Amino acid sequence: MKTILFSELVSDGVLLAYIPVTRWFSINNVPSNPKKPFAVIKWTGTNNGIPQSNNGVQGVQIWVHGEEGSYAVIDIIIERTKYVIQEIKDSKAEKGSGIIACTRWNNDSGELLDLDRRTNVRYTQWQIIGR
């Protein structure tokens, strides 16, 4: 599921116009000072305690970081991210990565600040259901 979601996000032309593939990170590999805007994918759930599962329900947050001062670009990226994730239906990845059967939007954050990276930031939170 993780491969499928990443693939869908980084292959969308609108998102790529704002955030190139090299500026999409997992929570564990964010450089200390990446060029902005950038996005961080944070998986928040496991399937019955088994991380990396390709079926069941997993939570995911897409954190979008941008320049201090304005949320305009961040909001555009969040809305497009929501569109892309919502459109994933029965997506298959190659060789055992599972199938995303359904996606469910949970919520979006308000306007936040990341003081360590000196960015404005917001996230959108989803449930991804695999089989």
C-alpha atoms as a PDB file:
ATOM      1  CA  MET A   1       0.000   0.000   0.000  1.00  0.00           C
ATOM      2  CA  LYS A   2       2.819   2.372   0.834  1.00  0.00           C
ATOM      3  CA  THR A   3       4.411   1.935  -2.577  1.00  0.00           C
ATOM      4  CA  ILE A   4       1.098   2.479  -4.322  1.00  0.00           C
ATOM      5  CA  LEU A   5       0.290   5.656  -2.400  1.00  0.00           C
ATOM      6  CA  PHE A   6       3.750   7.128  -2.961  1.00  0.00           C
ATOM      7  CA  SER A   7       3.612   6.232  -6.646  1.00  0.00           C
ATOM      8  CA  GLU A   8       0.225   7.902  -7.118  1.00  0.00           C
ATOM      9  CA  LEU A   9       1.325  11.094  -5.364  1.00  0.00           C
ATOM     10  CA  VAL A  10       4.633  11.517  -7.198  1.00  0.00           C
ATOM     11  CA  SER A  11       3.174  10.734 -10.611  1.00  0.00           C
ATOM     12  CA  ASP A  12       0.540  13.485 -10.456  1.00  0.00           C
ATOM     13  CA  GLY A  13       1.591  16.352 -12.735  1.00  0.00           C
ATOM     14  CA  VAL A  14      -0.040  19.065 -10.619  1.00  0.00           C
ATOM     15  CA  LEU A  15       1.700  17.918  -7.434  1.00  0.00           C
ATOM     16  CA  LEU A  16       5.018  17.552  -9.257  1.00  0.00           C
ATOM     17  CA  ALA A  17       4.786  21.166 -10.403  1.00  0.00           C
ATOM     18  CA  TYR A  18       4.968  22.156  -6.735  1.00  0.00           C
ATOM     19  CA  ILE A  19       6.970  19.318  -5.173  1.00  0.00           C
ATOM     20  CA  PRO A  20       9.444  17.282  -7.260  1.00  0.00           C
ATOM     21  CA  VAL A  21       9.851  13.587  -6.467  1.00  0.00           C
ATOM     22  CA  THR A  22      13.082  14.284  -4.585  1.00  0.00           C
ATOM     23  CA  ARG A  23      11.227  16.420  -2.038  1.00  0.00           C
ATOM     24  CA  TRP A  24       8.740  13.739  -0.950  1.00  0.00           C
ATOM     25  CA  PHE A  25      10.035  12.101   2.234  1.00  0.00           C
ATOM     26  CA  SER A  26       9.037   9.450   4.735  1.00  0.00           C
ATOM     27  CA  ILE A  27       9.039  10.520   8.363  1.00  0.00           C
ATOM     28  CA  ASN A  28      12.404   8.816   8.926  1.00  0.00           C
ATOM     29  CA  ASN A  29      14.375  10.361   6.066  1.00  0.00           C
ATOM     30  CA  VAL A  30      13.702  14.112   6.115  1.00  0.00           C
ATOM     31  CA  PRO A  31      16.941  16.061   5.602  1.00  0.00           C
ATOM     32  CA  SER A  32      17.733  18.829   8.053  1.00  0.00           C
ATOM     33  CA  ASN A  33      16.950  21.688   5.675  1.00  0.00           C
ATOM     34  CA  PRO A  34      15.132  20.593   2.494  1.00  0.00           C
ATOM     35  CA  LYS A  35      14.087  23.084  -0.158  1.00  0.00           C
ATOM     36  CA  LYS A  36      10.496  24.222   0.257  1.00  0.00           C
ATOM     37  CA  PRO A  37       7.811  23.224  -0.366  1.00  0.00           C
ATOM     38  CA  PHE A  38       8.271  19.587   0.579  1.00  0.00           C
ATOM     39  CA  ALA A  39       6.034  16.789   1.816  1.00  0.00           C
ATOM     40  CA  VAL A  40       6.415  14.134   4.500  1.00  0.00           C
ATOM     41  CA  ILE A  41       4.419  10.901   4.465  1.00  0.00           C
ATOM     42  CA  LYS A  42       3.771   9.598   7.967  1.00  0.00           C
ATOM     43  CA  TRP A  43       2.070   6.221   8.388  1.00  0.00           C
ATOM     44  CA  THR A  44       0.176   6.261  11.679  1.00  0.00           C
ATOM     45  CA  GLY A  45      -1.341   2.824  11.942  1.00  0.00           C
ATOM     46  CA  THR A  46      -0.598  -0.829  11.659  1.00  0.00           C
ATOM     47  CA  ASN A  47      -2.718  -3.830  10.850  1.00  0.00           C
ATOM     48  CA  ASN A  48      -3.179  -5.810  14.059  1.00  0.00           C
ATOM     49  CA  GLY A  49       0.187  -4.586  15.287  1.00  0.00           C
ATOM     50  CA  ILE A  50       2.021  -5.734  12.164  1.00  0.00           C
ATOM     51  CA  PRO A  51       3.829  -2.826  10.509  1.00  0.00           C
ATOM     52  CA  GLN A  52       4.301  -2.801   6.735  1.00  0.00           C
ATOM     53  CA  SER A  53       1.123  -4.806   6.209  1.00  0.00           C
ATOM     54  CA  ASN A  54      -0.378  -4.693   2.739  1.00  0.00           C
ATOM     55  CA  ASN A  55      -3.927  -5.337   3.826  1.00  0.00           C
ATOM     56  CA  GLY A  56      -6.343  -4.050   6.412  1.00  0.00           C
ATOM     57  CA  VAL A  57      -6.605  -0.448   7.528  1.00  0.00           C
ATOM     58  CA  GLN A  58      -3.662   1.893   7.985  1.00  0.00           C
ATOM     59  CA  GLY A  59      -3.623   5.577   8.786  1.00  0.00           C
ATOM     60  CA  VAL A  60      -1.506   8.038   6.873  1.00  0.00           C
ATOM     61  CA  GLN A  61      -0.799  11.727   7.204  1.00  0.00           C
ATOM     62  CA  ILE A  62       0.639  13.838   4.404  1.00  0.00           C
ATOM     63  CA  TRP A  63       2.454  16.816   5.945  1.00  0.00           C
ATOM     64  CA  VAL A  64       3.100  19.700   3.555  1.00  0.00           C
ATOM     65  CA  HIS A  65       5.789  22.201   4.554  1.00  0.00           C
ATOM     66  CA  GLY A  66       6.185  25.604   2.929  1.00  0.00           C
ATOM     67  CA  GLU A  67       7.793  28.972   3.387  1.00  0.00           C
ATOM     68  CA  GLU A  68       6.990  30.943   6.505  1.00  0.00           C
ATOM     69  CA  GLY A  69       4.373  33.627   6.034  1.00  0.00           C
ATOM     70  CA  SER A  70       1.732  32.143   3.754  1.00  0.00           C
ATOM     71  CA  TYR A  71      -0.316  28.978   3.530  1.00  0.00           C
ATOM     72  CA  ALA A  72      -1.531  29.609  -0.043  1.00  0.00           C
ATOM     73  CA  VAL A  73       0.781  27.106  -1.779  1.00  0.00           C
ATOM     74  CA  ILE A  74       0.397  24.611   1.068  1.00  0.00           C
ATOM     75  CA  ASP A  75      -3.396  24.770   0.714  1.00  0.00           C
ATOM     76  CA  ILE A  76      -3.203  24.121  -3.048  1.00  0.00           C
ATOM     77  CA  ILE A  77      -0.944  21.100  -2.458  1.00  0.00           C
ATOM     78  CA  ILE A  78      -3.187  19.746   0.333  1.00  0.00           C
ATOM     79  CA  GLU A  79      -6.291  20.023  -1.874  1.00  0.00           C
ATOM     80  CA  ARG A  80      -4.588  18.286  -4.804  1.00  0.00           C
ATOM     81  CA  THR A  81      -3.219  15.581  -2.492  1.00  0.00           C
ATOM     82  CA  LYS A  82      -6.748  14.953  -1.255  1.00  0.00           C
ATOM     83  CA  TYR A  83      -7.992  14.675  -4.830  1.00  0.00           C
ATOM     84  CA  VAL A  84      -5.260  12.196  -5.795  1.00  0.00           C
ATOM     85  CA  ILE A  85      -5.799   9.995  -2.735  1.00  0.00           C
ATOM     86  CA  GLN A  86      -9.565  10.054  -3.136  1.00  0.00           C
ATOM     87  CA  GLU A  87      -9.236   8.834  -6.724  1.00  0.00           C
ATOM     88  CA  ILE A  88      -7.218   5.729  -5.804  1.00  0.00           C
ATOM     89  CA  LYS A  89      -9.475   2.722  -6.355  1.00  0.00           C
ATOM     90  CA  ASP A  90      -8.324  -0.869  -6.663  1.00  0.00           C
ATOM     91  CA  SER A  91      -4.788   0.296  -7.384  1.00  0.00           C
ATOM     92  CA  LYS A  92      -2.280  -2.510  -7.708  1.00  0.00           C
ATOM     93  CA  ALA A  93       1.429  -2.420  -7.190  1.00  0.00           C
ATOM     94  CA  GLU A  94       3.887  -4.860  -8.680  1.00  0.00           C
ATOM     95  CA  LYS A  95       4.904  -8.093  -6.976  1.00  0.00           C
ATOM     96  CA  GLY A  96       3.165  -8.407  -3.667  1.00  0.00           C
ATOM     97  CA  SER A  97       2.653  -4.816  -2.623  1.00  0.00           C
ATOM     98  CA  GLY A  98      -1.056  -5.400  -2.215  1.00  0.00           C
ATOM     99  CA  ILE A  99      -4.064  -3.506  -3.469  1.00  0.00           C
ATOM    100  CA  ILE A 100      -5.562  -0.287  -2.198  1.00  0.00           C
ATOM    101  CA  ALA A 101      -9.253  -1.077  -2.118  1.00  0.00           C
ATOM    102  CA  CYS A 102     -10.521   2.137  -0.593  1.00  0.00           C
ATOM    103  CA  THR A 103      -9.424   5.439   0.912  1.00  0.00           C
ATOM    104  CA  ARG A 104     -11.239   7.457   3.557  1.00  0.00           C
ATOM    105  CA  TRP A 105     -10.471  11.066   4.459  1.00  0.00           C
ATOM    106  CA  ASN A 106     -10.393  11.758   8.213  1.00  0.00           C
ATOM    107  CA  ASN A 107      -9.452  15.407   8.621  1.00  0.00           C
ATOM    108  CA  ASP A 108      -7.064  18.231   7.798  1.00  0.00           C
ATOM    109  CA  SER A 109      -5.010  20.108  10.348  1.00  0.00           C
ATOM    110  CA  GLY A 110      -5.196  23.798  10.921  1.00  0.00           C
ATOM    111  CA  GLU A 111      -2.318  26.112  10.194  1.00  0.00           C
ATOM    112  CA  LEU A 112       0.762  24.910  12.071  1.00  0.00           C
ATOM    113  CA  LEU A 113       4.395  25.961  12.429  1.00  0.00           C
ATOM    114  CA  ASP A 114       7.439  23.699  12.439  1.00  0.00           C
ATOM    115  CA  LEU A 115       9.874  25.690  14.528  1.00  0.00           C
ATOM    116  CA  ASP A 116      12.765  23.276  13.895  1.00  0.00           C
ATOM    117  CA  ARG A 117      12.530  23.617  10.101  1.00  0.00           C
ATOM    118  CA  ARG A 118      11.142  27.168  10.160  1.00  0.00           C
ATOM    119  CA  THR A 119       8.202  26.274   7.933  1.00  0.00           C
ATOM    120  CA  ASN A 120       4.490  26.714   7.817  1.00  0.00           C
ATOM    121  CA  VAL A 121       2.910  23.268   7.728  1.00  0.00           C
ATOM    122  CA  ARG A 122      -0.447  21.520   7.432  1.00  0.00           C
ATOM    123  CA  TYR A 123      -1.427  17.874   7.037  1.00  0.00           C
ATOM    124  CA  THR A 124      -4.264  15.842   5.623  1.00  0.00           C
ATOM    125  CA  GLN A 125      -5.083  12.558   7.370  1.00  0.00           C
ATOM    126  CA  TRP A 126      -6.523   9.434   5.726  1.00  0.00           C
ATOM    127  CA  GLN A 127      -7.361   5.795   6.282  1.00  0.00           C
ATOM    128  CA  ILE A 128      -6.077   3.525   3.551  1.00  0.00           C
ATOM    129  CA  ILE A 129      -7.772   0.163   3.258  1.00  0.00           C
ATOM    130  CA  GLY A 130      -5.867  -2.612   1.531  1.00  0.00           C
ATOM    131  CA  ARG A 131      -6.600  -6.161   0.563  1.00  0.00           C
END
